[in-house]
């Protein structure tokens, strides 16, 4: 299951970034799935961060966030055969990393 989720996560990063992430780690614990991604910023996001415009990079991600995460969680749910929902998502723009936690719906 972890490999399937890694593949889906890489596909979604590639969708909005244009290339896959540098690193994906998936940890499944009971009803929680932790996904850690490194290398998630688009070229424009990386440039904005280098120029000190972190707020603009955050605004761009926030515009895309809901649709991308909802589609990602739907795809994971289909692949695993169980319904999941978002617990938390945190993006560290300085480290170019994102952590997503989803949980099995009861």
PDB file of N, CA and C in Angstrom:
ATOM      1  N   UNK A   1       0.825  -1.189   0.000  1.00  0.00           N
ATOM      2  CA  UNK A   1       0.000   0.000   0.000  1.00  0.00           C
ATOM      3  C   UNK A   1       0.873   1.258   0.000  1.00  0.00           C
ATOM      4  N   UNK A   2       1.968   1.259   0.740  1.00  0.00           N
ATOM      5  CA  UNK A   2       2.831   2.436   0.811  1.00  0.00           C
ATOM      6  C   UNK A   2       3.382   2.805  -0.566  1.00  0.00           C
ATOM      7  N   UNK A   3       3.779   1.795  -1.344  1.00  0.00           N
ATOM      8  CA  UNK A   3       4.314   2.076  -2.678  1.00  0.00           C
ATOM      9  C   UNK A   3       3.265   2.698  -3.592  1.00  0.00           C
ATOM     10  N   UNK A   4       2.022   2.242  -3.488  1.00  0.00           N
ATOM     11  CA  UNK A   4       0.942   2.816  -4.296  1.00  0.00           C
ATOM     12  C   UNK A   4       0.721   4.281  -3.932  1.00  0.00           C
ATOM     13  N   UNK A   5       0.746   4.584  -2.641  1.00  0.00           N
ATOM     14  CA  UNK A   5       0.532   5.963  -2.184  1.00  0.00           C
ATOM     15  C   UNK A   5       1.707   6.844  -2.610  1.00  0.00           C
ATOM     16  N   UNK A   6       2.939   6.319  -2.544  1.00  0.00           N
ATOM     17  CA  UNK A   6       4.104   7.071  -3.014  1.00  0.00           C
ATOM     18  C   UNK A   6       3.946   7.436  -4.489  1.00  0.00           C
ATOM     19  N   UNK A   7       3.498   6.474  -5.293  1.00  0.00           N
ATOM     20  CA  UNK A   7       3.322   6.696  -6.731  1.00  0.00           C
ATOM     21  C   UNK A   7       2.273   7.775  -6.983  1.00  0.00           C
ATOM     22  N   UNK A   8       1.163   7.706  -6.262  1.00  0.00           N
ATOM     23  CA  UNK A   8       0.093   8.704  -6.425  1.00  0.00           C
ATOM     24  C   UNK A   8       0.596  10.091  -6.008  1.00  0.00           C
ATOM     25  N   UNK A   9       1.314  10.173  -4.886  1.00  0.00           N
ATOM     26  CA  UNK A   9       1.839  11.459  -4.410  1.00  0.00           C
ATOM     27  C   UNK A   9       2.793  12.062  -5.440  1.00  0.00           C
ATOM     28  N   UNK A  10       3.666  11.240  -6.002  1.00  0.00           N
ATOM     29  CA  UNK A  10       4.609  11.726  -7.014  1.00  0.00           C
ATOM     30  C   UNK A  10       3.869  12.236  -8.247  1.00  0.00           C
ATOM     31  N   UNK A  11       2.796  11.552  -8.646  1.00  0.00           N
ATOM     32  CA  UNK A  11       2.002  11.988  -9.798  1.00  0.00           C
ATOM     33  C   UNK A  11       1.364  13.347  -9.547  1.00  0.00           C
ATOM     34  N   UNK A  12       0.863  13.570  -8.357  1.00  0.00           N
ATOM     35  CA  UNK A  12       0.214  14.837  -8.049  1.00  0.00           C
ATOM     36  C   UNK A  12       1.205  15.986  -7.965  1.00  0.00           C
ATOM     37  N   UNK A  13       2.387  15.727  -7.441  1.00  0.00           N
ATOM     38  CA  UNK A  13       3.412  16.777  -7.433  1.00  0.00           C
ATOM     39  C   UNK A  13       3.799  17.106  -8.872  1.00  0.00           C
ATOM     40  N   UNK A  14       3.953  16.074  -9.684  1.00  0.00           N
ATOM     41  CA  UNK A  14       4.315  16.287 -11.090  1.00  0.00           C
ATOM     42  C   UNK A  14       3.236  17.079 -11.826  1.00  0.00           C
ATOM     43  N   UNK A  15       1.992  16.888 -11.456  1.00  0.00           N
ATOM     44  CA  UNK A  15       0.875  17.580 -12.094  1.00  0.00           C
ATOM     45  C   UNK A  15       1.009  19.099 -11.974  1.00  0.00           C
ATOM     46  N   UNK A  16       1.325  19.612 -10.782  1.00  0.00           N
ATOM     47  CA  UNK A  16       1.387  21.062 -10.614  1.00  0.00           C
ATOM     48  C   UNK A  16       2.817  21.610 -10.636  1.00  0.00           C
ATOM     49  N   UNK A  17       3.800  20.751 -10.505  1.00  0.00           N
ATOM     50  CA  UNK A  17       5.190  21.218 -10.475  1.00  0.00           C
ATOM     51  C   UNK A  17       5.868  21.052 -11.828  1.00  0.00           C
ATOM     52  N   UNK A  18       5.415  20.094 -12.611  1.00  0.00           N
ATOM     53  CA  UNK A  18       6.038  19.822 -13.902  1.00  0.00           C
ATOM     54  C   UNK A  18       7.083  18.715 -13.840  1.00  0.00           C
ATOM     55  N   UNK A  19       7.463  18.344 -12.647  1.00  0.00           N
ATOM     56  CA  UNK A  19       8.375  17.218 -12.426  1.00  0.00           C
ATOM     57  C   UNK A  19       8.071  16.642 -11.050  1.00  0.00           C
ATOM     58  N   UNK A  20       8.481  15.424 -10.850  1.00  0.00           N
ATOM     59  CA  UNK A  20       8.179  14.746  -9.593  1.00  0.00           C
ATOM     60  C   UNK A  20       8.989  15.303  -8.428  1.00  0.00           C
ATOM     61  N   UNK A  21       8.619  14.906  -7.217  1.00  0.00           N
ATOM     62  CA  UNK A  21       9.346  15.363  -6.029  1.00  0.00           C
ATOM     63  C   UNK A  21      10.710  14.693  -5.935  1.00  0.00           C
ATOM     64  N   UNK A  22      11.598  15.283  -5.131  1.00  0.00           N
ATOM     65  CA  UNK A  22      12.911  14.683  -4.894  1.00  0.00           C
ATOM     66  C   UNK A  22      12.793  13.443  -4.013  1.00  0.00           C
ATOM     67  N   UNK A  23      11.809  13.457  -3.132  1.00  0.00           N
ATOM     68  CA  UNK A  23      11.728  12.420  -2.102  1.00  0.00           C
ATOM     69  C   UNK A  23      10.283  12.288  -1.636  1.00  0.00           C
ATOM     70  N   UNK A  24       9.828  11.043  -1.479  1.00  0.00           N
ATOM     71  CA  UNK A  24       8.501  10.771  -0.912  1.00  0.00           C
ATOM     72  C   UNK A  24       8.656   9.663   0.123  1.00  0.00           C
ATOM     73  N   UNK A  25       8.126   9.915   1.307  1.00  0.00           N
ATOM     74  CA  UNK A  25       8.119   8.895   2.362  1.00  0.00           C
ATOM     75  C   UNK A  25       6.684   8.726   2.826  1.00  0.00           C
ATOM     76  N   UNK A  26       6.241   7.485   2.923  1.00  0.00           N
ATOM     77  CA  UNK A  26       4.884   7.182   3.372  1.00  0.00           C
ATOM     78  C   UNK A  26       4.986   6.252   4.570  1.00  0.00           C
ATOM     79  N   UNK A  27       4.236   6.587   5.621  1.00  0.00           N
ATOM     80  CA  UNK A  27       4.209   5.764   6.821  1.00  0.00           C
ATOM     81  C   UNK A  27       2.747   5.503   7.169  1.00  0.00           C
ATOM     82  N   UNK A  28       2.363   4.231   7.187  1.00  0.00           N
ATOM     83  CA  UNK A  28       0.987   3.852   7.512  1.00  0.00           C
ATOM     84  C   UNK A  28       0.968   3.318   8.936  1.00  0.00           C
ATOM     85  N   UNK A  29       0.156   3.963   9.772  1.00  0.00           N
ATOM     86  CA  UNK A  29       0.004   3.534  11.164  1.00  0.00           C
ATOM     87  C   UNK A  29      -1.475   3.466  11.490  1.00  0.00           C
ATOM     88  N   UNK A  30      -1.951   2.284  11.685  1.00  0.00           N
ATOM     89  CA  UNK A  30      -3.352   2.056  12.010  1.00  0.00           C
ATOM     90  C   UNK A  30      -4.239   2.765  10.987  1.00  0.00           C
ATOM     91  N   UNK A  31      -5.032   3.749  11.408  1.00  0.00           N
ATOM     92  CA  UNK A  31      -5.920   4.415  10.453  1.00  0.00           C
ATOM     93  C   UNK A  31      -5.316   5.698   9.883  1.00  0.00           C
ATOM     94  N   UNK A  32      -4.081   6.038  10.256  1.00  0.00           N
ATOM     95  CA  UNK A  32      -3.435   7.253   9.760  1.00  0.00           C
ATOM     96  C   UNK A  32      -2.379   6.941   8.702  1.00  0.00           C
ATOM     97  N   UNK A  33      -2.304   7.803   7.706  1.00  0.00           N
ATOM     98  CA  UNK A  33      -1.252   7.718   6.698  1.00  0.00           C
ATOM     99  C   UNK A  33      -0.512   9.056   6.710  1.00  0.00           C
ATOM    100  N   UNK A  34       0.792   9.016   6.961  1.00  0.00           N
ATOM    101  CA  UNK A  34       1.647  10.203   6.947  1.00  0.00           C
ATOM    102  C   UNK A  34       2.416  10.195   5.628  1.00  0.00           C
ATOM    103  N   UNK A  35       2.360  11.301   4.908  1.00  0.00           N
ATOM    104  CA  UNK A  35       3.069  11.421   3.641  1.00  0.00           C
ATOM    105  C   UNK A  35       3.998  12.621   3.757  1.00  0.00           C
ATOM    106  N   UNK A  36       5.290  12.398   3.552  1.00  0.00           N
ATOM    107  CA  UNK A  36       6.275  13.470   3.589  1.00  0.00           C
ATOM    108  C   UNK A  36       6.872  13.596   2.197  1.00  0.00           C
ATOM    109  N   UNK A  37       6.839  14.811   1.646  1.00  0.00           N
ATOM    110  CA  UNK A  37       7.365  15.067   0.313  1.00  0.00           C
ATOM    111  C   UNK A  37       8.418  16.155   0.370  1.00  0.00           C
ATOM    112  N   UNK A  38       9.503  15.962  -0.313  1.00  0.00           N
ATOM    113  CA  UNK A  38      10.565  16.970  -0.422  1.00  0.00           C
ATOM    114  C   UNK A  38      10.715  17.311  -1.896  1.00  0.00           C
ATOM    115  N   UNK A  39      10.819  18.595  -2.199  1.00  0.00           N
ATOM    116  CA  UNK A  39      10.936  19.018  -3.590  1.00  0.00           C
ATOM    117  C   UNK A  39       9.573  19.214  -4.209  1.00  0.00           C
ATOM    118  N   UNK A  40       8.750  20.059  -3.592  1.00  0.00           N
ATOM    119  CA  UNK A  40       7.357  20.218  -4.034  1.00  0.00           C
ATOM    120  C   UNK A  40       7.068  21.577  -4.672  1.00  0.00           C
ATOM    121  N   UNK A  41       8.006  22.505  -4.579  1.00  0.00           N
ATOM    122  CA  UNK A  41       7.751  23.830  -5.118  1.00  0.00           C
ATOM    123  C   UNK A  41       7.926  23.856  -6.633  1.00  0.00           C
ATOM    124  N   UNK A  42       7.078  24.619  -7.288  1.00  0.00           N
ATOM    125  CA  UNK A  42       7.232  24.835  -8.722  1.00  0.00           C
ATOM    126  C   UNK A  42       8.454  25.726  -8.947  1.00  0.00           C
ATOM    127  N   UNK A  43       8.877  25.847 -10.200  1.00  0.00           N
ATOM    128  CA  UNK A  43      10.004  26.733 -10.501  1.00  0.00           C
ATOM    129  C   UNK A  43       9.687  28.159 -10.066  1.00  0.00           C
ATOM    130  N   UNK A  44       8.455  28.588 -10.310  1.00  0.00           N
ATOM    131  CA  UNK A  44       8.067  29.933  -9.905  1.00  0.00           C
ATOM    132  C   UNK A  44       8.082  30.059  -8.381  1.00  0.00           C
ATOM    133  N   UNK A  45       7.598  29.040  -7.677  1.00  0.00           N
ATOM    134  CA  UNK A  45       7.622  29.062  -6.217  1.00  0.00           C
ATOM    135  C   UNK A  45       9.034  29.169  -5.679  1.00  0.00           C
ATOM    136  N   UNK A  46       9.952  28.401  -6.281  1.00  0.00           N
ATOM    137  CA  UNK A  46      11.352  28.463  -5.857  1.00  0.00           C
ATOM    138  C   UNK A  46      11.929  29.863  -6.076  1.00  0.00           C
ATOM    139  N   UNK A  47      11.616  30.460  -7.224  1.00  0.00           N
ATOM    140  CA  UNK A  47      12.100  31.804  -7.524  1.00  0.00           C
ATOM    141  C   UNK A  47      11.530  32.831  -6.546  1.00  0.00           C
ATOM    142  N   UNK A  48      10.235  32.718  -6.238  1.00  0.00           N
ATOM    143  CA  UNK A  48       9.616  33.638  -5.287  1.00  0.00           C
ATOM    144  C   UNK A  48      10.285  33.546  -3.915  1.00  0.00           C
ATOM    145  N   UNK A  49      10.571  32.327  -3.468  1.00  0.00           N
ATOM    146  CA  UNK A  49      11.226  32.124  -2.172  1.00  0.00           C
ATOM    147  C   UNK A  49      12.610  32.768  -2.181  1.00  0.00           C
ATOM    148  N   UNK A  50      13.375  32.538  -3.261  1.00  0.00           N
ATOM    149  CA  UNK A  50      14.722  33.116  -3.355  1.00  0.00           C
ATOM    150  C   UNK A  50      14.680  34.644  -3.337  1.00  0.00           C
ATOM    151  N   UNK A  51      13.617  35.214  -3.895  1.00  0.00           N
ATOM    152  CA  UNK A  51      13.480  36.668  -3.942  1.00  0.00           C
ATOM    153  C   UNK A  51      12.878  37.235  -2.655  1.00  0.00           C
ATOM    154  N   UNK A  52      12.548  36.365  -1.697  1.00  0.00           N
ATOM    155  CA  UNK A  52      11.993  36.809  -0.429  1.00  0.00           C
ATOM    156  C   UNK A  52      10.486  37.019  -0.440  1.00  0.00           C
ATOM    157  N   UNK A  53       9.823  36.550  -1.489  1.00  0.00           N
ATOM    158  CA  UNK A  53       8.366  36.727  -1.622  1.00  0.00           C
ATOM    159  C   UNK A  53       7.632  35.462  -1.174  1.00  0.00           C
ATOM    160  N   UNK A  54       7.899  35.044   0.050  1.00  0.00           N
ATOM    161  CA  UNK A  54       7.303  33.813   0.582  1.00  0.00           C
ATOM    162  C   UNK A  54       5.778  33.901   0.588  1.00  0.00           C
ATOM    163  N   UNK A  55       5.253  35.055   0.940  1.00  0.00           N
ATOM    164  CA  UNK A  55       3.786  35.231   0.999  1.00  0.00           C
ATOM    165  C   UNK A  55       3.142  34.974  -0.364  1.00  0.00           C
ATOM    166  N   UNK A  56       3.791  35.378  -1.439  1.00  0.00           N
ATOM    167  CA  UNK A  56       3.247  35.124  -2.783  1.00  0.00           C
ATOM    168  C   UNK A  56       3.244  33.629  -3.091  1.00  0.00           C
ATOM    169  N   UNK A  57       4.306  32.931  -2.711  1.00  0.00           N
ATOM    170  CA  UNK A  57       4.358  31.482  -2.914  1.00  0.00           C
ATOM    171  C   UNK A  57       3.253  30.799  -2.109  1.00  0.00           C
ATOM    172  N   UNK A  58       3.037  31.253  -0.878  1.00  0.00           N
ATOM    173  CA  UNK A  58       1.969  30.706  -0.040  1.00  0.00           C
ATOM    174  C   UNK A  58       0.601  30.964  -0.660  1.00  0.00           C
ATOM    175  N   UNK A  59       0.398  32.178  -1.180  1.00  0.00           N
ATOM    176  CA  UNK A  59      -0.884  32.510  -1.803  1.00  0.00           C
ATOM    177  C   UNK A  59      -1.145  31.628  -3.023  1.00  0.00           C
ATOM    178  N   UNK A  60      -0.113  31.397  -3.837  1.00  0.00           N
ATOM    179  CA  UNK A  60      -0.272  30.548  -5.020  1.00  0.00           C
ATOM    180  C   UNK A  60      -0.662  29.125  -4.613  1.00  0.00           C
ATOM    181  N   UNK A  61       0.025  28.575  -3.598  1.00  0.00           N
ATOM    182  CA  UNK A  61      -0.307  27.219  -3.148  1.00  0.00           C
ATOM    183  C   UNK A  61      -1.718  27.178  -2.577  1.00  0.00           C
ATOM    184  N   UNK A  62      -2.098  28.174  -1.812  1.00  0.00           N
ATOM    185  CA  UNK A  62      -3.424  28.191  -1.196  1.00  0.00           C
ATOM    186  C   UNK A  62      -4.535  28.228  -2.239  1.00  0.00           C
ATOM    187  N   UNK A  63      -4.276  28.831  -3.396  1.00  0.00           N
ATOM    188  CA  UNK A  63      -5.269  28.837  -4.472  1.00  0.00           C
ATOM    189  C   UNK A  63      -5.480  27.438  -5.053  1.00  0.00           C
ATOM    190  N   UNK A  64      -4.419  26.655  -5.100  1.00  0.00           N
ATOM    191  CA  UNK A  64      -4.475  25.310  -5.691  1.00  0.00           C
ATOM    192  C   UNK A  64      -4.759  24.217  -4.671  1.00  0.00           C
ATOM    193  N   UNK A  65      -4.456  24.497  -3.425  1.00  0.00           N
ATOM    194  CA  UNK A  65      -4.430  23.506  -2.343  1.00  0.00           C
ATOM    195  C   UNK A  65      -5.659  22.610  -2.277  1.00  0.00           C
ATOM    196  N   UNK A  66      -6.840  23.194  -2.183  1.00  0.00           N
ATOM    197  CA  UNK A  66      -8.044  22.406  -1.946  1.00  0.00           C
ATOM    198  C   UNK A  66      -8.308  21.397  -3.071  1.00  0.00           C
ATOM    199  N   UNK A  67      -8.248  21.854  -4.311  1.00  0.00           N
ATOM    200  CA  UNK A  67      -8.505  20.951  -5.436  1.00  0.00           C
ATOM    201  C   UNK A  67      -7.475  19.837  -5.522  1.00  0.00           C
ATOM    202  N   UNK A  68      -6.210  20.194  -5.355  1.00  0.00           N
ATOM    203  CA  UNK A  68      -5.151  19.187  -5.457  1.00  0.00           C
ATOM    204  C   UNK A  68      -5.267  18.169  -4.329  1.00  0.00           C
ATOM    205  N   UNK A  69      -5.423  18.634  -3.099  1.00  0.00           N
ATOM    206  CA  UNK A  69      -5.506  17.699  -1.967  1.00  0.00           C
ATOM    207  C   UNK A  69      -6.757  16.832  -2.038  1.00  0.00           C
ATOM    208  N   UNK A  70      -7.903  17.415  -2.413  1.00  0.00           N
ATOM    209  CA  UNK A  70      -9.127  16.616  -2.534  1.00  0.00           C
ATOM    210  C   UNK A  70      -8.960  15.525  -3.584  1.00  0.00           C
ATOM    211  N   UNK A  71      -8.396  15.871  -4.730  1.00  0.00           N
ATOM    212  CA  UNK A  71      -8.178  14.876  -5.793  1.00  0.00           C
ATOM    213  C   UNK A  71      -7.188  13.804  -5.336  1.00  0.00           C
ATOM    214  N   UNK A  72      -6.133  14.234  -4.644  1.00  0.00           N
ATOM    215  CA  UNK A  72      -5.133  13.292  -4.140  1.00  0.00           C
ATOM    216  C   UNK A  72      -5.764  12.294  -3.163  1.00  0.00           C
ATOM    217  N   UNK A  73      -6.542  12.802  -2.217  1.00  0.00           N
ATOM    218  CA  UNK A  73      -7.173  11.928  -1.224  1.00  0.00           C
ATOM    219  C   UNK A  73      -8.187  10.993  -1.891  1.00  0.00           C
ATOM    220  N   UNK A  74      -8.944  11.482  -2.859  1.00  0.00           N
ATOM    221  CA  UNK A  74      -9.874  10.625  -3.609  1.00  0.00           C
ATOM    222  C   UNK A  74      -9.130   9.498  -4.308  1.00  0.00           C
ATOM    223  N   UNK A  75      -7.999   9.821  -4.915  1.00  0.00           N
ATOM    224  CA  UNK A  75      -7.212   8.815  -5.631  1.00  0.00           C
ATOM    225  C   UNK A  75      -6.650   7.768  -4.672  1.00  0.00           C
ATOM    226  N   UNK A  76      -6.149   8.203  -3.518  1.00  0.00           N
ATOM    227  CA  UNK A  76      -5.644   7.261  -2.508  1.00  0.00           C
ATOM    228  C   UNK A  76      -6.787   6.365  -2.027  1.00  0.00           C
ATOM    229  N   UNK A  77      -7.947   6.953  -1.767  1.00  0.00           N
ATOM    230  CA  UNK A  77      -9.102   6.179  -1.302  1.00  0.00           C
ATOM    231  C   UNK A  77      -9.490   5.112  -2.315  1.00  0.00           C
ATOM    232  N   UNK A  78      -9.502   5.491  -3.596  1.00  0.00           N
ATOM    233  CA  UNK A  78      -9.837   4.515  -4.657  1.00  0.00           C
ATOM    234  C   UNK A  78      -8.813   3.395  -4.718  1.00  0.00           C
ATOM    235  N   UNK A  79      -7.543   3.763  -4.666  1.00  0.00           N
ATOM    236  CA  UNK A  79      -6.463   2.781  -4.795  1.00  0.00           C
ATOM    237  C   UNK A  79      -6.442   1.807  -3.622  1.00  0.00           C
ATOM    238  N   UNK A  80      -6.688   2.323  -2.410  1.00  0.00           N
ATOM    239  CA  UNK A  80      -6.642   1.493  -1.199  1.00  0.00           C
ATOM    240  C   UNK A  80      -7.966   0.757  -0.979  1.00  0.00           C
ATOM    241  N   UNK A  81      -9.052   1.322  -1.513  1.00  0.00           N
ATOM    242  CA  UNK A  81     -10.359   0.697  -1.345  1.00  0.00           C
ATOM    243  C   UNK A  81     -11.057   1.088  -0.055  1.00  0.00           C
ATOM    244  N   UNK A  82     -10.605   2.168   0.574  1.00  0.00           N
ATOM    245  CA  UNK A  82     -11.208   2.678   1.807  1.00  0.00           C
ATOM    246  C   UNK A  82     -11.242   4.194   1.717  1.00  0.00           C
ATOM    247  N   UNK A  83     -12.216   4.809   2.385  1.00  0.00           N
ATOM    248  CA  UNK A  83     -12.361   6.263   2.355  1.00  0.00           C
ATOM    249  C   UNK A  83     -11.445   6.928   3.385  1.00  0.00           C
ATOM    250  N   UNK A  84     -10.715   7.934   2.925  1.00  0.00           N
ATOM    251  CA  UNK A  84      -9.830   8.705   3.786  1.00  0.00           C
ATOM    252  C   UNK A  84     -10.217  10.176   3.731  1.00  0.00           C
ATOM    253  N   UNK A  85      -9.809  10.937   4.744  1.00  0.00           N
ATOM    254  CA  UNK A  85     -10.022  12.380   4.749  1.00  0.00           C
ATOM    255  C   UNK A  85      -8.781  13.071   5.321  1.00  0.00           C
ATOM    256  N   UNK A  86      -8.661  14.356   5.030  1.00  0.00           N
ATOM    257  CA  UNK A  86      -7.495  15.122   5.446  1.00  0.00           C
ATOM    258  C   UNK A  86      -7.528  15.408   6.943  1.00  0.00           C
ATOM    259  N   UNK A  87      -6.410  15.164   7.612  1.00  0.00           N
ATOM    260  CA  UNK A  87      -6.241  15.549   9.010  1.00  0.00           C
ATOM    261  C   UNK A  87      -5.455  16.855   9.049  1.00  0.00           C
ATOM    262  N   UNK A  88      -4.330  16.894   8.349  1.00  0.00           N
ATOM    263  CA  UNK A  88      -3.547  18.128   8.293  1.00  0.00           C
ATOM    264  C   UNK A  88      -2.628  18.125   7.073  1.00  0.00           C
ATOM    265  N   UNK A  89      -2.245  19.336   6.694  1.00  0.00           N
ATOM    266  CA  UNK A  89      -1.293  19.528   5.604  1.00  0.00           C
ATOM    267  C   UNK A  89      -0.458  20.729   5.979  1.00  0.00           C
ATOM    268  N   UNK A  90       0.851  20.564   5.946  1.00  0.00           N
ATOM    269  CA  UNK A  90       1.744  21.661   6.293  1.00  0.00           C
ATOM    270  C   UNK A  90       2.821  21.752   5.222  1.00  0.00           C
ATOM    271  N   UNK A  91       2.995  22.950   4.700  1.00  0.00           N
ATOM    272  CA  UNK A  91       4.042  23.188   3.720  1.00  0.00           C
ATOM    273  C   UNK A  91       5.098  24.084   4.341  1.00  0.00           C
ATOM    274  N   UNK A  92       6.346  23.641   4.255  1.00  0.00           N
ATOM    275  CA  UNK A  92       7.479  24.442   4.699  1.00  0.00           C
ATOM    276  C   UNK A  92       8.129  25.005   3.435  1.00  0.00           C
ATOM    277  N   UNK A  93       7.826  26.253   3.132  1.00  0.00           N
ATOM    278  CA  UNK A  93       8.307  26.849   1.894  1.00  0.00           C
ATOM    279  C   UNK A  93       9.822  27.031   1.893  1.00  0.00           C
ATOM    280  N   UNK A  94      10.425  27.235   3.053  1.00  0.00           N
ATOM    281  CA  UNK A  94      11.874  27.409   3.122  1.00  0.00           C
ATOM    282  C   UNK A  94      12.609  26.087   2.882  1.00  0.00           C
ATOM    283  N   UNK A  95      12.036  24.992   3.344  1.00  0.00           N
ATOM    284  CA  UNK A  95      12.656  23.676   3.178  1.00  0.00           C
ATOM    285  C   UNK A  95      12.164  22.951   1.926  1.00  0.00           C
ATOM    286  N   UNK A  96      11.197  23.553   1.207  1.00  0.00           N
ATOM    287  CA  UNK A  96      10.627  22.946   0.008  1.00  0.00           C
ATOM    288  C   UNK A  96      10.082  21.552   0.328  1.00  0.00           C
ATOM    289  N   UNK A  97       9.267  21.488   1.393  1.00  0.00           N
ATOM    290  CA  UNK A  97       8.749  20.202   1.863  1.00  0.00           C
ATOM    291  C   UNK A  97       7.282  20.341   2.256  1.00  0.00           C
ATOM    292  N   UNK A  98       6.575  19.234   2.161  1.00  0.00           N
ATOM    293  CA  UNK A  98       5.166  19.215   2.538  1.00  0.00           C
ATOM    294  C   UNK A  98       4.892  17.918   3.301  1.00  0.00           C
ATOM    295  N   UNK A  99       4.124  18.029   4.376  1.00  0.00           N
ATOM    296  CA  UNK A  99       3.679  16.865   5.146  1.00  0.00           C
ATOM    297  C   UNK A  99       2.156  16.830   5.091  1.00  0.00           C
ATOM    298  N   UNK A 100       1.621  15.665   4.730  1.00  0.00           N
ATOM    299  CA  UNK A 100       0.178  15.471   4.652  1.00  0.00           C
ATOM    300  C   UNK A 100      -0.182  14.289   5.533  1.00  0.00           C
ATOM    301  N   UNK A 101      -1.215  14.448   6.345  1.00  0.00           N
ATOM    302  CA  UNK A 101      -1.706  13.342   7.175  1.00  0.00           C
ATOM    303  C   UNK A 101      -3.171  13.134   6.826  1.00  0.00           C
ATOM    304  N   UNK A 102      -3.499  11.909   6.462  1.00  0.00           N
ATOM    305  CA  UNK A 102      -4.895  11.561   6.186  1.00  0.00           C
ATOM    306  C   UNK A 102      -5.297  10.424   7.104  1.00  0.00           C
ATOM    307  N   UNK A 103      -6.625  10.326   7.350  1.00  0.00           N
ATOM    308  CA  UNK A 103      -7.099   9.269   8.255  1.00  0.00           C
ATOM    309  C   UNK A 103      -8.227   8.489   7.610  1.00  0.00           C
ATOM    310  N   UNK A 104      -8.332   7.261   8.021  1.00  0.00           N
ATOM    311  CA  UNK A 104      -9.427   6.393   7.583  1.00  0.00           C
ATOM    312  C   UNK A 104     -10.718   6.901   8.173  1.00  0.00           C
ATOM    313  N   UNK A 105     -11.736   7.091   7.324  1.00  0.00           N
ATOM    314  CA  UNK A 105     -13.030   7.508   7.815  1.00  0.00           C
ATOM    315  C   UNK A 105     -13.714   6.340   8.516  1.00  0.00           C
ATOM    316  N   UNK A 106     -14.386   6.634   9.638  1.00  0.00           N
ATOM    317  CA  UNK A 106     -15.053   5.561  10.375  1.00  0.00           C
ATOM    318  C   UNK A 106     -16.446   5.330   9.872  1.00  0.00           C
TER     319      UNK A 106
END
